[in-house]
């Protein structure tokens, strides 16, 4: 018990982080390989891009109902089931020559992602000593910035070099190896007893849950307005050939952010939440007012990465802390809000881009972040540091 009280179970938490890495990479990797995917399957790049939307749709539709239906199930078999879902989905994607079959496999991958993200935060908290719960969640969530900053560029490079099918095949192999890792290093936990299972309505009504969801929706929607359309934004600033460099700066600062978040989150959750929103507002404002100076743009992207890198950990920790025993259901709500924001960012950003131009995207992001500030102000009493 002394060892458990003083140390994090890093092997198990790293397995959870790899699960998140596979999730994010499975979702985002097609974006860099659309020409190859479309050409191989005989569809346009626009149609190939629906691989991303159908994945998000699977997560959106599955997260809450699937989490609610499995709340009494033991946790490790459920976690393993979601990983097997990725293994099957990516293997079918790698092997099929049918666009329709590939879309169905991507939907299955999205369903698996919706379930896995609902499990990860609560799992990390239960594995760790209470005083280190936030740090444990930061480790478990590290797969997201690693996937975005390293995994997607590396996977895209490999896909262009050796074919996109190989990259998805490798993801399936990673998922298979991860099954063994989880069996060996991640403990099992019971589900919720029938008598301790609040309804979705009751969880939604828990003080603090709705403000967390509102912050998530506004913050992630603002992020996706900019991230999805970073190429036209940079083209508007006469930097169309700097996309790789800009995303590298974003990914590097996001990694720094999640490291800082892991150190500070157990005692400074409230401060981290407002810092993330505040830094993002500064970054969006810099993008909005710059005349195209490259130094200002790189600085804005660096600050944006610092704001976003630890945001998933901060928001999911806030959700878990406010929801208490109903954390898994609250996490499913966070997953739903996150995927609504991904979908909404692409749609709303496209409308703004077509009607007002890329220069207005940053101002729209600032307006959304103002809403995040207002929502965060409603939940500060729920974010007191652990003692």
Protein backbone atom coordinates (compact mmCIF):
# COMPACT_ATOMS: atom_id res chain seq x y z
CA UNK A 1 0.00 0.00 0.00
CA UNK A 2 2.91 2.37 0.70
CA UNK A 3 4.28 1.97 -2.81
CA UNK A 4 0.84 2.56 -4.28
CA UNK A 5 0.39 5.67 -2.15
CA UNK A 6 3.73 7.14 -3.25
CA UNK A 7 3.98 6.17 -6.92
CA UNK A 8 1.96 6.16 -10.09
CA UNK A 9 1.45 2.82 -11.88
CA UNK A 10 3.32 4.10 -14.93
CA UNK A 11 3.23 0.88 -16.97
CA UNK A 12 -0.55 0.74 -16.82
CA UNK A 13 -1.01 4.47 -17.36
CA UNK A 14 1.31 4.40 -20.37
CA UNK A 15 -0.83 1.61 -21.82
CA UNK A 16 -3.82 3.94 -21.53
CA UNK A 17 -1.78 6.70 -23.19
CA UNK A 18 -0.96 4.39 -26.11
CA UNK A 19 -4.66 3.58 -26.40
CA UNK A 20 -5.37 7.30 -26.73
CA UNK A 21 -2.53 7.61 -29.24
CA UNK A 22 -4.08 4.90 -31.42
CA UNK A 23 -7.49 6.59 -31.13
CA UNK A 24 -6.29 10.02 -32.23
CA UNK A 25 -4.01 8.67 -34.96
CA UNK A 26 -6.80 6.50 -36.37
CA UNK A 27 -9.04 9.58 -36.49
CA UNK A 28 -6.60 12.17 -37.85
CA UNK A 29 -4.26 10.20 -40.12
CA UNK A 30 -6.51 10.25 -43.24
CA UNK A 31 -6.26 14.06 -43.40
CA UNK A 32 -2.67 13.84 -44.63
CA UNK A 33 -3.33 10.98 -47.05
CA UNK A 34 -6.54 12.02 -48.81
CA UNK A 35 -5.08 12.04 -52.36
CA UNK A 36 -3.66 8.52 -51.95
CA UNK A 37 -6.80 7.16 -50.30
CA UNK A 38 -9.12 8.73 -52.88
CA UNK A 39 -7.02 7.54 -55.81
CA UNK A 40 -6.79 3.99 -54.46
CA UNK A 41 -10.53 3.67 -53.78
CA UNK A 42 -11.68 5.58 -56.86
CA UNK A 43 -13.31 8.54 -55.08
CA UNK A 44 -12.62 12.26 -54.87
CA UNK A 45 -10.56 13.80 -52.08
CA UNK A 46 -13.75 15.37 -50.74
CA UNK A 47 -15.37 11.96 -50.47
CA UNK A 48 -12.23 10.47 -48.93
CA UNK A 49 -12.42 13.25 -46.35
CA UNK A 50 -15.67 11.74 -45.12
CA UNK A 51 -13.52 9.07 -43.44
CA UNK A 52 -12.93 11.68 -40.73
CA UNK A 53 -16.55 12.80 -40.42
CA UNK A 54 -17.97 9.25 -40.25
CA UNK A 55 -15.44 8.42 -37.52
CA UNK A 56 -16.54 11.45 -35.51
CA UNK A 57 -20.16 10.50 -36.15
CA UNK A 58 -19.57 7.04 -34.69
CA UNK A 59 -18.07 8.56 -31.54
CA UNK A 60 -20.84 11.12 -31.29
CA UNK A 61 -23.66 8.60 -31.59
CA UNK A 62 -22.10 5.89 -29.43
CA UNK A 63 -20.42 7.58 -26.47
CA UNK A 64 -23.38 8.28 -24.20
CA UNK A 65 -25.71 5.32 -24.98
CA UNK A 66 -22.89 2.76 -25.06
CA UNK A 67 -21.38 4.06 -21.83
CA UNK A 68 -24.77 4.05 -20.13
CA UNK A 69 -25.52 0.52 -21.31
CA UNK A 70 -22.21 -0.88 -20.05
CA UNK A 71 -21.88 0.92 -16.70
CA UNK A 72 -22.30 -2.32 -14.74
CA UNK A 73 -19.70 -4.20 -16.82
CA UNK A 74 -16.23 -4.86 -15.48
CA UNK A 75 -13.85 -2.22 -16.77
CA UNK A 76 -10.92 -4.16 -18.28
CA UNK A 77 -12.97 -6.38 -20.61
CA UNK A 78 -14.75 -3.24 -21.79
CA UNK A 79 -11.42 -1.47 -22.38
CA UNK A 80 -10.09 -4.50 -24.25
CA UNK A 81 -13.24 -4.61 -26.37
CA UNK A 82 -12.69 -1.03 -27.51
CA UNK A 83 -9.06 -1.80 -28.43
CA UNK A 84 -10.14 -4.88 -30.39
CA UNK A 85 -12.61 -2.61 -32.20
CA UNK A 86 -9.69 -0.46 -33.38
CA UNK A 87 -7.71 -3.52 -34.40
CA UNK A 88 -10.56 -4.84 -36.56
CA UNK A 89 -11.50 -1.43 -38.00
CA UNK A 90 -7.95 -0.56 -39.04
CA UNK A 91 -7.28 -4.05 -40.42
CA UNK A 92 -10.40 -3.91 -42.61
CA UNK A 93 -9.46 -0.38 -43.69
CA UNK A 94 -6.01 -1.58 -44.71
CA UNK A 95 -7.29 -4.57 -46.70
CA UNK A 96 -10.55 -3.54 -48.35
CA UNK A 97 -10.87 -2.21 -51.88
CA UNK A 98 -14.42 -0.97 -51.26
CA UNK A 99 -15.04 2.61 -50.19
CA UNK A 100 -18.36 1.63 -48.58
CA UNK A 101 -16.74 -1.14 -46.52
CA UNK A 102 -13.97 1.23 -45.48
CA UNK A 103 -16.58 3.78 -44.35
CA UNK A 104 -18.32 1.11 -42.29
CA UNK A 105 -14.99 0.15 -40.70
CA UNK A 106 -14.28 3.80 -39.89
CA UNK A 107 -17.68 4.08 -38.22
CA UNK A 108 -16.81 1.05 -36.06
CA UNK A 109 -13.53 2.74 -35.19
CA UNK A 110 -15.44 5.86 -34.14
CA UNK A 111 -17.78 3.82 -31.95
CA UNK A 112 -14.74 2.23 -30.28
CA UNK A 113 -13.25 5.69 -29.76
CA UNK A 114 -16.42 7.00 -28.14
CA UNK A 115 -16.35 4.16 -25.62
CA UNK A 116 -12.60 4.34 -24.99
CA UNK A 117 -12.52 8.08 -24.31
CA UNK A 118 -15.38 7.66 -21.87
CA UNK A 119 -13.32 5.05 -20.01
CA UNK A 120 -9.83 6.53 -19.97
CA UNK A 121 -10.17 9.36 -17.47
CA UNK A 122 -12.10 7.35 -14.88
CA UNK A 123 -9.73 4.42 -15.33
CA UNK A 124 -6.65 6.57 -14.71
CA UNK A 125 -8.19 8.07 -11.57
CA UNK A 126 -9.03 4.64 -10.15
CA UNK A 127 -5.50 3.35 -10.81
CA UNK A 128 -3.78 6.20 -8.97
CA UNK A 129 -3.50 7.40 -5.36
CA UNK A 130 -6.15 10.08 -4.79
CA UNK A 131 -3.61 12.88 -4.34
CA UNK A 132 -2.04 12.03 -7.73
CA UNK A 133 -5.26 11.54 -9.67
CA UNK A 134 -4.77 14.58 -11.90
CA UNK A 135 -1.19 13.62 -12.70
CA UNK A 136 -2.31 10.10 -13.56
CA UNK A 137 -4.90 11.53 -15.95
CA UNK A 138 -2.24 13.72 -17.55
CA UNK A 139 -0.12 10.63 -18.27
CA UNK A 140 -3.11 8.74 -19.65
CA UNK A 141 -4.01 11.69 -21.90
CA UNK A 142 -0.47 12.18 -23.21
CA UNK A 143 -1.28 10.08 -26.27
CA UNK A 144 -3.27 12.94 -27.79
CA UNK A 145 -0.51 15.55 -28.22
CA UNK A 146 2.04 12.86 -29.10
CA UNK A 147 -0.28 11.59 -31.85
CA UNK A 148 -0.91 15.10 -33.19
CA UNK A 149 2.67 16.35 -33.01
CA UNK A 150 4.61 13.20 -33.95
CA UNK A 151 2.24 10.40 -34.96
CA UNK A 152 0.28 12.18 -37.71
CA UNK A 153 3.35 13.68 -39.48
CA UNK A 154 5.25 10.37 -39.18
CA UNK A 155 2.25 8.34 -40.33
CA UNK A 156 1.67 10.68 -43.24
CA UNK A 157 5.31 10.42 -44.29
CA UNK A 158 5.21 6.63 -44.04
CA UNK A 159 1.93 6.51 -45.96
CA UNK A 160 3.35 8.64 -48.78
CA UNK A 161 6.52 6.54 -48.83
CA UNK A 162 5.10 3.02 -48.53
CA UNK A 163 1.35 3.39 -49.06
CA UNK A 164 -1.55 4.37 -46.84
CA UNK A 165 -2.63 0.75 -46.36
CA UNK A 166 0.62 -0.04 -44.54
CA UNK A 167 0.02 2.74 -42.01
CA UNK A 168 -3.43 1.43 -41.10
CA UNK A 169 -2.06 -2.10 -40.96
CA UNK A 170 0.57 -0.94 -38.48
CA UNK A 171 -2.12 0.72 -36.37
CA UNK A 172 -3.93 -2.60 -36.26
CA UNK A 173 -0.73 -4.33 -35.15
CA UNK A 174 -0.17 -1.74 -32.42
CA UNK A 175 -3.72 -2.37 -31.17
CA UNK A 176 -3.03 -6.12 -31.08
CA UNK A 177 0.15 -5.61 -29.02
CA UNK A 178 -1.72 -3.20 -26.78
CA UNK A 179 -4.23 -5.92 -25.89
CA UNK A 180 -1.40 -7.96 -24.36
CA UNK A 181 0.02 -4.91 -22.59
CA UNK A 182 -3.34 -4.09 -21.00
CA UNK A 183 -3.87 -7.68 -19.86
CA UNK A 184 -0.42 -7.66 -18.23
CA UNK A 185 -0.31 -4.19 -16.67
CA UNK A 186 -3.78 -2.64 -16.36
CA UNK A 187 -5.88 -3.84 -13.41
CA UNK A 188 -9.53 -4.74 -13.67
CA UNK A 189 -12.22 -2.82 -11.78
CA UNK A 190 -15.89 -3.57 -11.19
CA UNK A 191 -18.61 -1.54 -12.85
CA UNK A 192 -21.18 0.48 -10.98
CA UNK A 193 -23.68 -1.49 -8.88
CA UNK A 194 -27.27 -1.18 -10.07
CA UNK A 195 -28.23 0.68 -6.90
CA UNK A 196 -25.51 3.33 -7.42
CA UNK A 197 -26.25 4.22 -11.02
CA UNK A 198 -27.69 7.72 -11.47
CA UNK A 199 -29.57 8.35 -14.69
CA UNK A 200 -28.20 10.48 -17.50
CA UNK A 201 -30.57 13.25 -16.48
CA UNK A 202 -29.31 13.11 -12.90
CA UNK A 203 -25.69 13.24 -14.02
CA UNK A 204 -26.43 16.16 -16.34
CA UNK A 205 -28.02 17.98 -13.41
CA UNK A 206 -25.01 17.54 -11.10
CA UNK A 207 -23.68 21.03 -10.25
CA UNK A 208 -20.68 21.81 -12.42
CA UNK A 209 -21.26 19.23 -15.15
CA UNK A 210 -23.12 21.53 -17.53
CA UNK A 211 -20.55 24.36 -17.28
CA UNK A 212 -17.75 21.86 -18.02
CA UNK A 213 -19.64 20.70 -21.09
CA UNK A 214 -20.21 24.29 -22.19
CA UNK A 215 -16.52 25.15 -21.79
CA UNK A 216 -15.58 22.02 -23.74
CA UNK A 217 -17.95 22.85 -26.57
CA UNK A 218 -16.82 26.49 -26.88
CA UNK A 219 -13.11 25.80 -26.44
CA UNK A 220 -12.88 22.83 -28.84
CA UNK A 221 -15.15 24.52 -31.38
CA UNK A 222 -12.84 27.56 -31.39
CA UNK A 223 -9.84 25.24 -31.79
CA UNK A 224 -11.36 23.38 -34.73
CA UNK A 225 -12.39 26.59 -36.49
CA UNK A 226 -8.70 27.44 -36.69
CA UNK A 227 -7.02 24.03 -36.86
CA UNK A 228 -9.26 22.61 -39.59
CA UNK A 229 -8.66 25.65 -41.80
CA UNK A 230 -5.06 26.43 -40.91
CA UNK A 231 -4.05 26.01 -44.57
CA UNK A 232 -6.28 28.84 -45.93
CA UNK A 233 -5.39 30.98 -42.91
CA UNK A 234 -1.69 30.66 -43.69
CA UNK A 235 -2.32 31.17 -47.39
CA UNK A 236 -4.08 34.44 -46.53
CA UNK A 237 -0.91 35.48 -44.70
CA UNK A 238 1.21 34.49 -47.72
CA UNK A 239 2.69 31.48 -45.91
CA UNK A 240 1.14 28.54 -47.81
CA UNK A 241 4.39 26.59 -47.81
CA UNK A 242 4.91 26.83 -44.04
CA UNK A 243 2.10 24.52 -42.90
CA UNK A 244 4.45 21.74 -41.78
CA UNK A 245 6.61 24.18 -39.81
CA UNK A 246 3.61 25.80 -38.17
CA UNK A 247 2.10 22.46 -37.15
CA UNK A 248 5.47 21.37 -35.77
CA UNK A 249 5.58 24.46 -33.56
CA UNK A 250 2.01 23.78 -32.45
CA UNK A 251 2.76 20.13 -31.64
CA UNK A 252 5.97 20.91 -29.77
CA UNK A 253 4.34 23.52 -27.55
CA UNK A 254 1.39 21.17 -26.99
CA UNK A 255 3.80 18.57 -25.64
CA UNK A 256 5.28 21.15 -23.26
CA UNK A 257 1.75 22.06 -22.20
CA UNK A 258 0.77 18.54 -21.25
CA UNK A 259 3.98 18.13 -19.26
CA UNK A 260 3.26 21.29 -17.28
CA UNK A 261 -0.35 20.23 -16.85
CA UNK A 262 0.72 16.91 -15.36
CA UNK A 263 2.89 18.66 -12.77
CA UNK A 264 0.34 21.31 -11.77
CA UNK A 265 -3.12 19.84 -12.24
CA UNK A 266 -3.67 18.20 -8.85
CA UNK A 267 -3.42 21.54 -7.04
CA UNK A 268 -4.05 24.14 -9.74
CA UNK A 269 -6.90 22.84 -11.87
CA UNK A 270 -8.88 26.07 -11.77
CA UNK A 271 -5.86 28.18 -12.68
CA UNK A 272 -4.95 25.85 -15.54
CA UNK A 273 -8.48 26.05 -16.93
CA UNK A 274 -8.50 29.84 -17.04
CA UNK A 275 -4.88 29.93 -18.27
CA UNK A 276 -5.76 27.68 -21.20
CA UNK A 277 -8.71 29.85 -22.21
CA UNK A 278 -6.74 33.07 -21.66
CA UNK A 279 -3.73 31.92 -23.67
CA UNK A 280 -6.00 30.80 -26.51
CA UNK A 281 -7.69 34.22 -26.58
CA UNK A 282 -4.25 35.88 -26.79
CA UNK A 283 -3.23 33.55 -29.63
CA UNK A 284 -6.46 34.08 -31.57
CA UNK A 285 -6.18 37.85 -31.13
CA UNK A 286 -2.60 37.79 -32.43
CA UNK A 287 -3.74 35.86 -35.49
CA UNK A 288 -6.63 38.27 -35.99
CA UNK A 289 -4.63 41.51 -35.89
CA UNK A 290 -1.32 40.50 -37.46
CA UNK A 291 -0.61 41.84 -40.91
CA UNK A 292 1.11 38.59 -41.84
CA UNK A 293 4.40 38.93 -39.96
CA UNK A 294 5.77 35.41 -39.74
CA UNK A 295 7.24 35.94 -36.26
CA UNK A 296 3.83 36.98 -34.91
CA UNK A 297 2.16 33.98 -36.53
CA UNK A 298 4.69 31.52 -35.13
CA UNK A 299 4.34 33.17 -31.72
CA UNK A 300 0.57 32.91 -31.88
CA UNK A 301 0.72 29.24 -32.83
CA UNK A 302 3.19 28.52 -30.02
CA UNK A 303 0.83 30.13 -27.49
CA UNK A 304 -2.12 28.28 -29.04
CA UNK A 305 -0.29 24.97 -28.58
CA UNK A 306 0.39 25.80 -24.94
CA UNK A 307 -3.30 26.53 -24.48
CA UNK A 308 -4.55 23.40 -26.22
CA UNK A 309 -2.00 20.73 -25.28
CA UNK A 310 -3.23 20.09 -21.76
CA UNK A 311 -6.85 21.05 -22.40
CA UNK A 312 -8.19 17.49 -22.74
CA UNK A 313 -6.65 16.59 -19.37
CA UNK A 314 -7.94 19.76 -17.72
CA UNK A 315 -11.47 19.40 -19.05
CA UNK A 316 -11.74 15.70 -18.30
CA UNK A 317 -10.30 16.19 -14.81
CA UNK A 318 -12.84 18.96 -14.20
CA UNK A 319 -15.59 16.65 -15.45
CA UNK A 320 -14.45 13.77 -13.24
CA UNK A 321 -14.11 16.01 -10.19
CA UNK A 322 -17.56 17.53 -10.58
CA UNK A 323 -19.34 14.26 -11.45
CA UNK A 324 -17.76 12.14 -8.70
CA UNK A 325 -18.95 8.51 -8.84
CA UNK A 326 -20.72 9.15 -12.15
CA UNK A 327 -17.44 10.12 -13.86
CA UNK A 328 -17.73 7.59 -16.70
CA UNK A 329 -21.09 8.96 -17.82
CA UNK A 330 -19.82 12.52 -17.51
CA UNK A 331 -16.79 11.57 -19.62
CA UNK A 332 -19.13 10.18 -22.28
CA UNK A 333 -20.86 13.56 -22.31
CA UNK A 334 -17.48 15.26 -22.73
CA UNK A 335 -16.69 12.93 -25.66
CA UNK A 336 -20.03 13.84 -27.23
CA UNK A 337 -19.44 17.57 -26.77
CA UNK A 338 -15.91 17.21 -28.17
CA UNK A 339 -17.11 15.45 -31.32
CA UNK A 340 -19.95 17.93 -31.82
CA UNK A 341 -17.26 20.61 -31.72
CA UNK A 342 -15.11 18.75 -34.27
CA UNK A 343 -18.07 18.43 -36.62
CA UNK A 344 -19.30 21.95 -35.91
CA UNK A 345 -15.86 23.49 -36.37
CA UNK A 346 -15.60 22.06 -39.86
CA UNK A 347 -19.12 23.18 -40.82
CA UNK A 348 -19.12 26.62 -39.18
CA UNK A 349 -15.55 27.32 -40.27
CA UNK A 350 -16.43 26.39 -43.85
CA UNK A 351 -19.36 28.81 -43.82
CA UNK A 352 -17.22 31.63 -42.42
CA UNK A 353 -14.45 30.87 -44.91
CA UNK A 354 -16.84 31.01 -47.87
CA UNK A 355 -18.81 34.08 -46.76
CA UNK A 356 -16.31 36.25 -44.91
CA UNK A 357 -12.85 34.89 -45.64
CA UNK A 358 -10.13 33.31 -43.48
CA UNK A 359 -9.37 36.54 -41.62
CA UNK A 360 -12.72 36.26 -39.77
CA UNK A 361 -12.07 32.79 -38.37
CA UNK A 362 -9.92 34.14 -35.54
CA UNK A 363 -12.57 36.67 -34.50
CA UNK A 364 -15.18 33.91 -34.43
CA UNK A 365 -12.84 31.88 -32.24
CA UNK A 366 -12.46 34.80 -29.84
CA UNK A 367 -16.25 35.10 -29.54
CA UNK A 368 -16.52 31.40 -28.70
CA UNK A 369 -13.72 31.67 -26.14
CA UNK A 370 -15.56 34.53 -24.45
CA UNK A 371 -18.40 32.04 -23.98
CA UNK A 372 -15.90 29.59 -22.49
CA UNK A 373 -14.82 32.22 -19.95
CA UNK A 374 -18.43 32.82 -18.94
CA UNK A 375 -19.12 29.09 -18.55
CA UNK A 376 -15.89 28.51 -16.61
CA UNK A 377 -16.84 31.28 -14.19
CA UNK A 378 -19.94 29.26 -13.28
CA UNK A 379 -17.95 26.26 -12.09
CA UNK A 380 -15.00 27.67 -10.15
CA UNK A 381 -16.35 26.46 -6.81
CA UNK A 382 -16.13 22.88 -8.10
CA UNK A 383 -12.47 23.16 -9.03
CA UNK A 384 -10.82 23.70 -5.69
CA UNK A 385 -7.43 22.03 -5.37
CA UNK A 386 -7.18 18.62 -3.75
CA UNK A 387 -6.05 18.74 -0.15
